[in-house]
């Protein structure tokens, strides 16, 4: 009896054999649906809706401005301090929202994961896309204020803005994949993420200047502390944001940090390493997602 080879359809794949983040680009339509769903449900039932994208950063800004700028007097040495402060806040908000939402993405879509098979990476990537969309209105408000006070555009600023978005989103997505994989089985991971985010504002030059860190480190003979501080991808992204928004409108801004271009490439490198490690851990543990959920 003649045996015929089994027919195979290249459009179908065996569950659990996805190609990681590559699968996301092969399912762009599903990604767009998840992104639209996340945006539509984010403020579902809220009276103010998208206004919260402006209210939250404004509340942060007012609190930090009063405490750091007025009470501690930083606005006297950093001019214009409101633009300096807000250009750092929007970067921290982008990092925080991307990191937190990608970590929670699998758990937030557990009902869908239980029912059908989709590349699991679709959920954190869609969450990261949503974070970018909510970042843009904040950046737009800051840009309008900067234009009013004399800001002009240049290719350096365009490239710096793109670089800071890439660094923050890729780095946070990598961390989100890593902790999100653990978060399915061990819910303690969410508390670790909260602690990391709590520190992120204070280990980057949002509420103070990197020049202060450099001075203190040199004063105690520990220049390596400043070097370690600057290779933090979030620190680099905040300094790039200052380069884009604050420095062009500041009359007495100190020089940009030495080797900022080098630190930018280092930040991109660290972000890519975080993404690779996060993807490896995610793929290692995703086989248990349906069971643990």
Protein backbone atom coordinates (compact mmCIF):
# COMPACT_ATOMS: atom_id res chain seq x y z
CA UNK A 1 0.00 0.00 0.00
CA UNK A 2 1.43 3.33 -1.06
CA UNK A 3 1.97 5.82 1.75
CA UNK A 4 1.71 9.50 1.05
CA UNK A 5 3.65 12.08 3.01
CA UNK A 6 1.57 14.10 5.45
CA UNK A 7 0.42 17.40 4.11
CA UNK A 8 1.62 20.42 6.00
CA UNK A 9 0.37 23.97 5.86
CA UNK A 10 3.08 26.58 6.41
CA UNK A 11 0.45 28.92 7.86
CA UNK A 12 -0.01 26.66 10.90
CA UNK A 13 2.50 26.10 13.67
CA UNK A 14 2.66 23.70 16.56
CA UNK A 15 1.67 25.42 19.83
CA UNK A 16 4.65 26.28 22.00
CA UNK A 17 7.08 26.56 19.08
CA UNK A 18 6.88 30.30 18.42
CA UNK A 19 9.93 32.19 17.25
CA UNK A 20 9.91 34.65 20.11
CA UNK A 21 9.80 38.34 19.25
CA UNK A 22 10.08 37.46 15.55
CA UNK A 23 6.59 35.98 15.83
CA UNK A 24 5.28 39.38 16.88
CA UNK A 25 6.19 40.88 13.51
CA UNK A 26 4.59 37.89 11.78
CA UNK A 27 1.33 38.65 13.62
CA UNK A 28 1.17 42.41 13.11
CA UNK A 29 -2.60 42.38 12.68
CA UNK A 30 -3.11 40.66 16.04
CA UNK A 31 -0.66 43.09 17.59
CA UNK A 32 -2.68 46.04 16.31
CA UNK A 33 -5.88 44.51 17.71
CA UNK A 34 -4.30 44.02 21.14
CA UNK A 35 -2.94 47.55 21.06
CA UNK A 36 -6.36 49.00 20.21
CA UNK A 37 -7.96 46.87 22.92
CA UNK A 38 -5.48 48.11 25.51
CA UNK A 39 -6.07 51.74 24.56
CA UNK A 40 -9.86 51.35 24.50
CA UNK A 41 -10.06 49.63 27.90
CA UNK A 42 -7.42 51.68 29.73
CA UNK A 43 -9.83 54.39 30.83
CA UNK A 44 -13.06 52.47 30.30
CA UNK A 45 -15.73 53.82 32.65
CA UNK A 46 -13.59 56.84 33.56
CA UNK A 47 -15.23 60.26 33.46
CA UNK A 48 -12.01 62.04 32.50
CA UNK A 49 -10.65 59.36 30.18
CA UNK A 50 -7.51 60.41 28.30
CA UNK A 51 -7.22 63.53 30.43
CA UNK A 52 -5.49 61.32 33.01
CA UNK A 53 -2.53 61.11 30.61
CA UNK A 54 -1.98 64.80 31.39
CA UNK A 55 -3.26 65.01 34.97
CA UNK A 56 -0.90 62.42 36.45
CA UNK A 57 2.36 63.89 35.12
CA UNK A 58 1.10 67.38 35.99
CA UNK A 59 0.48 66.28 39.59
CA UNK A 60 3.99 64.78 39.74
CA UNK A 61 5.44 67.96 38.32
CA UNK A 62 3.69 70.22 40.84
CA UNK A 63 4.75 68.08 43.80
CA UNK A 64 8.41 67.90 42.74
CA UNK A 65 8.51 71.55 41.72
CA UNK A 66 7.27 72.76 45.10
CA UNK A 67 9.48 70.44 47.17
CA UNK A 68 12.66 70.30 45.08
CA UNK A 69 12.47 73.55 43.16
CA UNK A 70 11.06 75.97 45.74
CA UNK A 71 11.66 74.48 49.21
CA UNK A 72 15.11 73.05 48.43
CA UNK A 73 15.95 75.90 46.06
CA UNK A 74 17.10 73.99 42.98
CA UNK A 75 15.21 76.37 40.70
CA UNK A 76 17.75 79.09 41.58
CA UNK A 77 20.65 77.11 40.09
CA UNK A 78 18.86 75.30 37.25
CA UNK A 79 17.09 77.57 34.78
CA UNK A 80 14.42 77.13 33.52
CA UNK A 81 13.77 74.52 36.20
CA UNK A 82 10.18 73.64 35.14
CA UNK A 83 11.38 72.48 31.71
CA UNK A 84 14.36 70.66 33.23
CA UNK A 85 12.08 68.87 35.68
CA UNK A 86 9.34 67.92 33.23
CA UNK A 87 11.79 66.69 30.59
CA UNK A 88 13.02 64.17 33.15
CA UNK A 89 9.56 63.25 34.44
CA UNK A 90 8.27 62.19 31.01
CA UNK A 91 11.23 59.82 30.57
CA UNK A 92 10.71 58.25 33.99
CA UNK A 93 6.99 57.90 33.27
CA UNK A 94 7.73 56.17 29.96
CA UNK A 95 10.12 53.77 31.68
CA UNK A 96 7.75 53.11 34.59
CA UNK A 97 4.67 52.53 32.46
CA UNK A 98 6.48 50.32 29.96
CA UNK A 99 8.14 48.24 32.68
CA UNK A 100 5.00 47.85 34.80
CA UNK A 101 2.59 47.17 31.93
CA UNK A 102 4.85 44.62 30.21
CA UNK A 103 5.37 42.82 33.51
CA UNK A 104 1.60 42.56 34.03
CA UNK A 105 0.73 41.86 30.38
CA UNK A 106 0.49 38.06 30.58
CA UNK A 107 -1.54 38.07 33.80
CA UNK A 108 -3.86 40.76 32.47
CA UNK A 109 -4.65 38.59 29.44
CA UNK A 110 -4.85 35.22 31.20
CA UNK A 111 -8.41 34.50 30.02
CA UNK A 112 -7.31 34.85 26.40
CA UNK A 113 -4.15 32.80 26.92
CA UNK A 114 -6.16 29.94 28.43
CA UNK A 115 -8.52 29.76 25.45
CA UNK A 116 -6.35 30.06 22.36
CA UNK A 117 -2.72 29.91 21.40
CA UNK A 118 -1.03 33.15 20.43
CA UNK A 119 2.64 34.08 20.56
CA UNK A 120 2.87 35.16 24.19
CA UNK A 121 5.25 37.99 23.35
CA UNK A 122 2.38 39.79 21.63
CA UNK A 123 0.98 40.86 24.99
CA UNK A 124 4.04 42.64 26.45
CA UNK A 125 4.91 44.20 23.09
CA UNK A 126 1.36 45.55 22.77
CA UNK A 127 1.65 46.91 26.33
CA UNK A 128 4.91 48.66 25.40
CA UNK A 129 3.21 50.17 22.36
CA UNK A 130 0.45 51.51 24.58
CA UNK A 131 3.04 53.11 26.87
CA UNK A 132 4.59 54.92 23.90
CA UNK A 133 1.18 56.23 22.81
CA UNK A 134 0.56 57.64 26.30
CA UNK A 135 4.06 59.15 26.37
CA UNK A 136 3.58 61.18 23.20
CA UNK A 137 0.92 63.62 24.58
CA UNK A 138 3.23 64.44 27.51
CA UNK A 139 6.15 65.06 25.15
CA UNK A 140 3.89 67.18 22.93
CA UNK A 141 2.88 69.43 25.85
CA UNK A 142 6.54 69.90 26.80
CA UNK A 143 7.46 70.66 23.19
CA UNK A 144 4.76 73.34 22.93
CA UNK A 145 6.04 75.04 26.10
CA UNK A 146 9.63 74.88 24.79
CA UNK A 147 8.62 76.43 21.46
CA UNK A 148 6.90 79.28 23.30
CA UNK A 149 10.14 80.12 25.16
CA UNK A 150 12.31 79.99 22.04
CA UNK A 151 13.07 76.33 21.28
CA UNK A 152 14.22 75.51 17.73
CA UNK A 153 14.61 72.10 16.14
CA UNK A 154 17.82 70.47 14.88
CA UNK A 155 18.86 67.06 13.62
CA UNK A 156 20.78 66.47 16.85
CA UNK A 157 17.59 66.88 18.86
CA UNK A 158 15.59 64.62 16.55
CA UNK A 159 18.19 61.84 16.77
CA UNK A 160 18.55 62.30 20.53
CA UNK A 161 14.77 62.03 20.99
CA UNK A 162 14.59 58.84 18.93
CA UNK A 163 17.57 57.42 20.83
CA UNK A 164 16.04 58.07 24.25
CA UNK A 165 12.75 56.42 23.24
CA UNK A 166 14.59 53.36 21.89
CA UNK A 167 16.77 53.07 25.00
CA UNK A 168 13.89 53.37 27.47
CA UNK A 169 11.36 51.19 25.65
CA UNK A 170 13.77 48.39 24.70
CA UNK A 171 15.35 48.34 28.17
CA UNK A 172 11.97 48.36 29.95
CA UNK A 173 10.55 45.73 27.56
CA UNK A 174 13.51 43.45 28.28
CA UNK A 175 13.02 43.85 32.02
CA UNK A 176 9.27 43.38 31.59
CA UNK A 177 9.72 40.11 29.68
CA UNK A 178 12.09 38.85 32.39
CA UNK A 179 9.97 39.77 35.40
CA UNK A 180 6.71 39.11 33.56
CA UNK A 181 7.74 35.49 33.01
CA UNK A 182 8.44 35.07 36.73
CA UNK A 183 5.31 37.01 37.65
CA UNK A 184 3.08 34.26 36.25
CA UNK A 185 4.41 31.67 38.71
CA UNK A 186 5.70 33.92 41.50
CA UNK A 187 3.58 36.98 42.16
CA UNK A 188 6.36 38.41 44.37
CA UNK A 189 7.96 39.65 41.14
CA UNK A 190 5.48 42.51 40.99
CA UNK A 191 6.70 43.80 44.35
CA UNK A 192 10.30 43.69 43.12
CA UNK A 193 9.27 45.71 40.08
CA UNK A 194 7.60 48.31 42.32
CA UNK A 195 10.83 48.68 44.33
CA UNK A 196 12.91 49.10 41.16
CA UNK A 197 10.52 51.78 39.90
CA UNK A 198 10.62 53.56 43.25
CA UNK A 199 14.41 53.88 42.95
CA UNK A 200 14.40 54.78 39.24
CA UNK A 201 13.46 58.41 39.86
CA UNK A 202 16.26 58.90 42.37
CA UNK A 203 19.09 57.18 40.49
CA UNK A 204 18.66 59.37 37.41
CA UNK A 205 19.04 63.17 37.07
CA UNK A 206 15.38 64.14 37.32
CA UNK A 207 15.29 65.93 40.68
CA UNK A 208 18.94 67.03 40.61
CA UNK A 209 21.69 67.40 38.01
CA UNK A 210 24.26 64.81 36.97
CA UNK A 211 26.88 67.52 37.55
CA UNK A 212 26.11 67.30 41.29
CA UNK A 213 26.89 63.58 41.22
CA UNK A 214 30.13 64.22 39.34
CA UNK A 215 31.22 66.87 41.87
CA UNK A 216 30.44 64.72 44.90
CA UNK A 217 32.14 61.66 43.41
CA UNK A 218 35.27 63.67 42.57
CA UNK A 219 35.24 65.26 46.03
CA UNK A 220 35.57 61.88 47.74
CA UNK A 221 38.00 60.47 45.18
CA UNK A 222 35.49 57.99 43.73
CA UNK A 223 35.15 59.03 40.09
CA UNK A 224 34.08 55.50 39.23
CA UNK A 225 30.79 56.17 41.02
CA UNK A 226 29.95 58.81 38.42
CA UNK A 227 30.94 56.48 35.58
CA UNK A 228 28.70 53.77 37.04
CA UNK A 229 25.92 56.30 37.43
CA UNK A 230 26.15 57.40 33.80
CA UNK A 231 26.03 53.91 32.26
CA UNK A 232 22.54 53.45 33.71
CA UNK A 233 20.36 53.47 30.55
CA UNK A 234 17.66 55.52 32.27
CA UNK A 235 20.22 58.16 33.29
CA UNK A 236 21.43 58.38 29.71
CA UNK A 237 17.86 58.71 28.43
CA UNK A 238 17.10 61.52 30.88
CA UNK A 239 20.25 63.39 29.81
CA UNK A 240 19.22 62.96 26.18
CA UNK A 241 15.82 64.43 27.06
CA UNK A 242 17.57 67.42 28.65
CA UNK A 243 19.61 67.76 25.46
CA UNK A 244 16.42 67.78 23.38
CA UNK A 245 14.19 70.06 25.45
CA UNK A 246 16.04 71.90 28.22
CA UNK A 247 19.51 72.83 26.95
CA UNK A 248 18.28 74.69 23.83
CA UNK A 249 16.20 77.08 26.00
CA UNK A 250 18.61 77.45 28.95
CA UNK A 251 20.95 80.44 29.01
CA UNK A 252 23.30 79.15 31.71
CA UNK A 253 23.15 75.36 31.40
CA UNK A 254 26.42 73.58 32.25
CA UNK A 255 28.04 71.60 29.44
CA UNK A 256 26.41 68.31 28.55
CA UNK A 257 28.01 65.31 30.28
CA UNK A 258 31.30 64.24 28.75
CA UNK A 259 31.03 61.23 26.44
CA UNK A 260 27.23 61.50 26.23
CA UNK A 261 27.35 60.00 22.73
CA UNK A 262 29.40 57.07 24.05
CA UNK A 263 27.00 56.61 26.96
CA UNK A 264 24.11 56.67 24.48
CA UNK A 265 25.56 53.77 22.51
CA UNK A 266 26.33 52.01 25.80
CA UNK A 267 22.71 52.54 26.86
CA UNK A 268 21.46 51.03 23.61
CA UNK A 269 23.82 48.09 24.15
CA UNK A 270 22.57 47.50 27.70
CA UNK A 271 18.98 47.77 26.48
CA UNK A 272 19.58 45.12 23.81
CA UNK A 273 21.26 42.83 26.33
CA UNK A 274 18.26 43.23 28.66
CA UNK A 275 15.93 42.44 25.75
CA UNK A 276 17.83 39.28 24.81
CA UNK A 277 18.00 38.03 28.40
CA UNK A 278 14.34 38.87 28.97
CA UNK A 279 13.32 37.03 25.82
CA UNK A 280 15.38 33.96 26.76
CA UNK A 281 13.79 33.80 30.20
CA UNK A 282 10.33 34.41 28.76
CA UNK A 283 10.67 31.59 26.23
CA UNK A 284 12.06 29.27 28.88
CA UNK A 285 9.03 29.74 31.14
CA UNK A 286 6.19 30.34 28.68
CA UNK A 287 5.44 26.61 28.38
CA UNK A 288 4.01 26.76 31.92
CA UNK A 289 1.93 29.91 31.46
CA UNK A 290 -1.39 28.20 30.74
CA UNK A 291 -0.82 25.82 33.67
CA UNK A 292 0.21 28.51 36.18
CA UNK A 293 -2.51 30.91 35.12
